[in-house]
N, C-alpha and C. Protein backbone atom coordinates (compact mmCIF):
# COMPACT_ATOMS: atom_id res chain seq x y z
N MET A 1 -8.25 40.70 -32.86
CA MET A 1 -8.20 39.30 -32.48
C MET A 1 -6.98 38.68 -33.12
N SER A 2 -6.06 38.21 -32.34
CA SER A 2 -4.86 37.55 -32.86
C SER A 2 -5.09 36.05 -32.91
N ARG A 3 -4.43 35.41 -33.87
CA ARG A 3 -4.54 33.96 -34.01
C ARG A 3 -3.71 33.29 -32.92
N PRO A 4 -4.34 32.41 -32.13
CA PRO A 4 -3.56 31.66 -31.14
C PRO A 4 -2.54 30.76 -31.83
N ASP A 5 -1.41 30.53 -31.19
CA ASP A 5 -0.35 29.70 -31.77
C ASP A 5 -0.83 28.31 -32.13
N TRP A 6 -1.75 27.75 -31.36
CA TRP A 6 -2.21 26.39 -31.60
C TRP A 6 -3.18 26.29 -32.77
N LEU A 7 -3.72 27.41 -33.21
CA LEU A 7 -4.69 27.42 -34.30
C LEU A 7 -3.97 27.57 -35.63
N PRO A 8 -4.23 26.68 -36.60
CA PRO A 8 -3.56 26.82 -37.90
C PRO A 8 -3.95 28.12 -38.58
N SER A 9 -3.08 28.61 -39.45
CA SER A 9 -3.36 29.88 -40.12
C SER A 9 -4.49 29.74 -41.14
N SER A 10 -4.74 28.55 -41.61
CA SER A 10 -5.89 28.28 -42.47
C SER A 10 -6.36 26.87 -42.19
N THR A 11 -7.64 26.62 -42.45
CA THR A 11 -8.17 25.31 -42.12
C THR A 11 -8.69 24.54 -43.33
N VAL A 12 -8.88 25.22 -44.46
CA VAL A 12 -9.41 24.54 -45.64
C VAL A 12 -9.04 25.34 -46.88
N SER A 13 -8.98 24.66 -47.98
CA SER A 13 -8.72 25.33 -49.25
C SER A 13 -9.98 25.25 -50.10
N VAL A 14 -10.46 26.40 -50.58
CA VAL A 14 -11.68 26.43 -51.38
C VAL A 14 -11.47 27.33 -52.59
N ASN A 15 -12.32 27.14 -53.57
CA ASN A 15 -12.39 28.02 -54.73
C ASN A 15 -13.78 28.64 -54.73
N LEU A 16 -13.82 29.90 -55.09
CA LEU A 16 -15.10 30.60 -55.11
C LEU A 16 -15.20 31.38 -56.41
N HIS A 17 -16.18 31.03 -57.22
CA HIS A 17 -16.45 31.79 -58.44
C HIS A 17 -17.53 32.80 -58.09
N VAL A 18 -17.20 34.07 -58.23
CA VAL A 18 -18.14 35.14 -57.89
C VAL A 18 -18.85 35.58 -59.17
N PHE A 19 -20.17 35.55 -59.13
CA PHE A 19 -21.01 35.96 -60.25
C PHE A 19 -21.95 37.07 -59.79
N GLU A 20 -22.69 37.62 -60.72
CA GLU A 20 -23.62 38.69 -60.36
C GLU A 20 -24.72 38.19 -59.42
N THR A 21 -24.92 36.89 -59.35
CA THR A 21 -25.93 36.33 -58.46
C THR A 21 -25.39 36.02 -57.06
N THR A 22 -24.09 36.18 -56.86
CA THR A 22 -23.50 35.93 -55.54
C THR A 22 -24.01 36.98 -54.56
N ALA A 23 -24.52 36.52 -53.44
CA ALA A 23 -25.02 37.43 -52.41
C ALA A 23 -23.98 37.54 -51.29
N TYR A 24 -23.86 38.73 -50.72
CA TYR A 24 -22.93 38.96 -49.62
C TYR A 24 -23.71 39.40 -48.39
N ARG A 25 -23.32 38.85 -47.26
CA ARG A 25 -23.91 39.27 -45.99
C ARG A 25 -22.75 39.56 -45.04
N VAL A 26 -22.76 40.72 -44.45
CA VAL A 26 -21.70 41.11 -43.51
C VAL A 26 -22.28 41.11 -42.10
N SER A 27 -21.58 40.44 -41.19
CA SER A 27 -21.94 40.48 -39.78
C SER A 27 -20.85 41.24 -39.05
N PHE A 28 -21.26 42.16 -38.17
CA PHE A 28 -20.32 43.04 -37.48
C PHE A 28 -20.15 42.63 -36.03
N TYR A 29 -18.91 42.67 -35.57
CA TYR A 29 -18.56 42.37 -34.19
C TYR A 29 -17.69 43.52 -33.67
N PRO A 30 -18.32 44.69 -33.39
CA PRO A 30 -17.54 45.88 -33.06
C PRO A 30 -16.69 45.73 -31.80
N ALA A 31 -17.16 45.01 -30.81
CA ALA A 31 -16.38 44.85 -29.58
C ALA A 31 -15.08 44.09 -29.83
N GLU A 32 -15.08 43.25 -30.88
CA GLU A 32 -13.89 42.47 -31.24
C GLU A 32 -13.15 43.06 -32.43
N ASP A 33 -13.63 44.18 -32.96
CA ASP A 33 -13.01 44.87 -34.09
C ASP A 33 -12.85 43.95 -35.29
N ARG A 34 -13.94 43.23 -35.62
CA ARG A 34 -13.89 42.30 -36.75
C ARG A 34 -15.26 42.15 -37.39
N VAL A 35 -15.26 41.52 -38.57
CA VAL A 35 -16.49 41.21 -39.29
C VAL A 35 -16.37 39.80 -39.86
N THR A 36 -17.51 39.27 -40.26
CA THR A 36 -17.52 38.09 -41.13
C THR A 36 -18.24 38.50 -42.41
N VAL A 37 -17.76 37.99 -43.53
CA VAL A 37 -18.39 38.25 -44.82
C VAL A 37 -18.77 36.90 -45.41
N ASP A 38 -20.06 36.70 -45.61
CA ASP A 38 -20.60 35.46 -46.16
C ASP A 38 -20.89 35.69 -47.64
N ALA A 39 -20.17 34.98 -48.50
CA ALA A 39 -20.43 35.00 -49.95
C ALA A 39 -21.25 33.76 -50.26
N ASP A 40 -22.49 33.95 -50.68
CA ASP A 40 -23.44 32.85 -50.82
C ASP A 40 -23.93 32.75 -52.25
N GLY A 41 -23.89 31.54 -52.78
CA GLY A 41 -24.37 31.28 -54.13
C GLY A 41 -25.15 29.98 -54.18
N SER A 42 -25.57 29.58 -55.37
CA SER A 42 -26.40 28.38 -55.51
C SER A 42 -25.63 27.11 -55.18
N GLY A 43 -24.29 27.13 -55.24
CA GLY A 43 -23.51 25.94 -54.96
C GLY A 43 -22.96 25.87 -53.56
N GLY A 44 -23.25 26.85 -52.73
CA GLY A 44 -22.75 26.84 -51.36
C GLY A 44 -22.32 28.24 -50.95
N SER A 45 -21.62 28.30 -49.83
CA SER A 45 -21.18 29.60 -49.34
C SER A 45 -19.80 29.50 -48.73
N VAL A 46 -19.15 30.64 -48.65
CA VAL A 46 -17.84 30.77 -48.01
C VAL A 46 -17.93 31.95 -47.07
N VAL A 47 -17.40 31.79 -45.86
CA VAL A 47 -17.39 32.87 -44.89
C VAL A 47 -15.96 33.29 -44.64
N LEU A 48 -15.70 34.58 -44.78
CA LEU A 48 -14.40 35.16 -44.45
C LEU A 48 -14.49 35.75 -43.05
N PHE A 49 -13.52 35.45 -42.21
CA PHE A 49 -13.42 36.01 -40.87
C PHE A 49 -12.30 37.05 -40.93
N LEU A 50 -12.64 38.33 -40.74
CA LEU A 50 -11.68 39.40 -40.98
C LEU A 50 -11.58 40.36 -39.80
N ASP A 51 -10.37 40.47 -39.25
CA ASP A 51 -10.07 41.54 -38.31
C ASP A 51 -9.90 42.81 -39.13
N ARG A 52 -9.96 43.96 -38.47
CA ARG A 52 -9.86 45.24 -39.20
C ARG A 52 -8.63 45.31 -40.11
N PRO A 53 -7.42 44.92 -39.67
CA PRO A 53 -6.26 45.01 -40.56
C PRO A 53 -6.40 44.11 -41.80
N GLU A 54 -7.09 42.98 -41.64
CA GLU A 54 -7.26 42.08 -42.78
C GLU A 54 -8.30 42.61 -43.76
N ILE A 55 -9.27 43.39 -43.28
CA ILE A 55 -10.21 44.05 -44.19
C ILE A 55 -9.43 44.99 -45.10
N ALA A 56 -8.56 45.79 -44.50
CA ALA A 56 -7.75 46.73 -45.29
C ALA A 56 -6.82 45.99 -46.25
N ARG A 57 -6.23 44.89 -45.79
CA ARG A 57 -5.32 44.13 -46.65
C ARG A 57 -6.06 43.52 -47.83
N LEU A 58 -7.23 42.93 -47.58
CA LEU A 58 -8.02 42.34 -48.67
C LEU A 58 -8.46 43.41 -49.65
N ARG A 59 -8.88 44.57 -49.15
CA ARG A 59 -9.26 45.67 -50.02
C ARG A 59 -8.08 46.08 -50.91
N GLY A 60 -6.89 46.17 -50.33
CA GLY A 60 -5.70 46.53 -51.10
C GLY A 60 -5.37 45.51 -52.17
N VAL A 61 -5.50 44.23 -51.84
CA VAL A 61 -5.22 43.17 -52.81
C VAL A 61 -6.19 43.26 -53.98
N LEU A 62 -7.48 43.47 -53.71
CA LEU A 62 -8.48 43.56 -54.77
C LEU A 62 -8.28 44.81 -55.62
N GLU A 63 -7.93 45.93 -54.98
CA GLU A 63 -7.67 47.15 -55.74
C GLU A 63 -6.46 46.98 -56.65
N GLN A 64 -5.39 46.35 -56.14
CA GLN A 64 -4.19 46.11 -56.95
C GLN A 64 -4.50 45.15 -58.09
N ALA A 65 -5.29 44.13 -57.83
CA ALA A 65 -5.66 43.18 -58.88
C ALA A 65 -6.42 43.88 -60.00
N GLU A 66 -7.33 44.78 -59.64
CA GLU A 66 -8.10 45.51 -60.65
C GLU A 66 -7.19 46.43 -61.47
N ARG A 67 -6.27 47.13 -60.79
CA ARG A 67 -5.34 48.01 -61.51
C ARG A 67 -4.45 47.21 -62.46
N GLU A 68 -3.94 46.08 -61.98
CA GLU A 68 -3.05 45.27 -62.82
C GLU A 68 -3.80 44.65 -63.99
N LEU A 69 -5.01 44.21 -63.77
CA LEU A 69 -5.82 43.66 -64.86
C LEU A 69 -6.04 44.71 -65.94
N THR A 70 -6.38 45.93 -65.53
CA THR A 70 -6.57 47.01 -66.48
C THR A 70 -5.28 47.30 -67.24
N ALA A 71 -4.17 47.36 -66.52
CA ALA A 71 -2.88 47.63 -67.16
C ALA A 71 -2.54 46.55 -68.18
N ARG A 72 -2.77 45.31 -67.83
CA ARG A 72 -2.46 44.21 -68.76
C ARG A 72 -3.37 44.23 -69.98
N GLN A 73 -4.60 44.65 -69.79
CA GLN A 73 -5.52 44.73 -70.93
C GLN A 73 -5.16 45.89 -71.85
N ASN A 74 -4.47 46.87 -71.33
CA ASN A 74 -4.12 48.05 -72.11
C ASN A 74 -2.72 48.00 -72.70
N THR A 75 -2.04 46.86 -72.60
CA THR A 75 -0.72 46.76 -73.20
C THR A 75 -0.86 46.66 -74.72
N GLU A 76 0.23 46.91 -75.43
CA GLU A 76 0.16 46.88 -76.89
C GLU A 76 -0.16 45.48 -77.42
N ASN A 77 0.10 44.44 -76.62
CA ASN A 77 -0.21 43.07 -77.06
C ASN A 77 -1.67 42.72 -76.84
N GLY A 78 -2.39 43.53 -76.11
CA GLY A 78 -3.79 43.25 -75.84
C GLY A 78 -3.95 42.19 -74.77
N PRO A 79 -5.17 41.81 -74.49
CA PRO A 79 -5.41 40.83 -73.44
C PRO A 79 -4.91 39.45 -73.83
N ARG A 80 -4.48 38.70 -72.83
CA ARG A 80 -4.03 37.31 -73.04
C ARG A 80 -5.26 36.44 -73.16
N VAL A 81 -5.31 35.62 -74.20
CA VAL A 81 -6.44 34.72 -74.42
C VAL A 81 -5.96 33.29 -74.20
N VAL A 82 -6.68 32.55 -73.38
CA VAL A 82 -6.35 31.16 -73.10
C VAL A 82 -7.46 30.30 -73.65
N ARG A 83 -7.08 29.29 -74.43
CA ARG A 83 -8.06 28.36 -75.01
C ARG A 83 -7.65 26.92 -74.68
N GLY A 84 -8.60 26.04 -74.74
CA GLY A 84 -8.30 24.62 -74.56
C GLY A 84 -8.58 24.15 -73.16
N PRO A 85 -8.20 22.90 -72.87
CA PRO A 85 -8.54 22.27 -71.59
C PRO A 85 -7.99 23.02 -70.38
N ALA A 86 -6.84 23.69 -70.54
CA ALA A 86 -6.25 24.42 -69.40
C ALA A 86 -7.05 25.66 -69.03
N ALA A 87 -7.89 26.15 -69.95
CA ALA A 87 -8.68 27.34 -69.67
C ALA A 87 -9.76 26.97 -68.73
């Protein structure tokens, strides 16, 4: 499914804190080669609409984030600690 030119590339900006209590529900649309992923928590939910290439891209981003987080934690300086109002 390609995005029509008249449709904006994004429609809203949200923040989602994922905790162990966050529930995920995946809905499959095989004829359209896409899924939706609903991340649901006590404060609301966010639904991701993903074509197959975007599933792979999101997976790659999360895998890279995990690798980089591990690498940064294993540097000789140790993990970065942030304190105060900006944290």
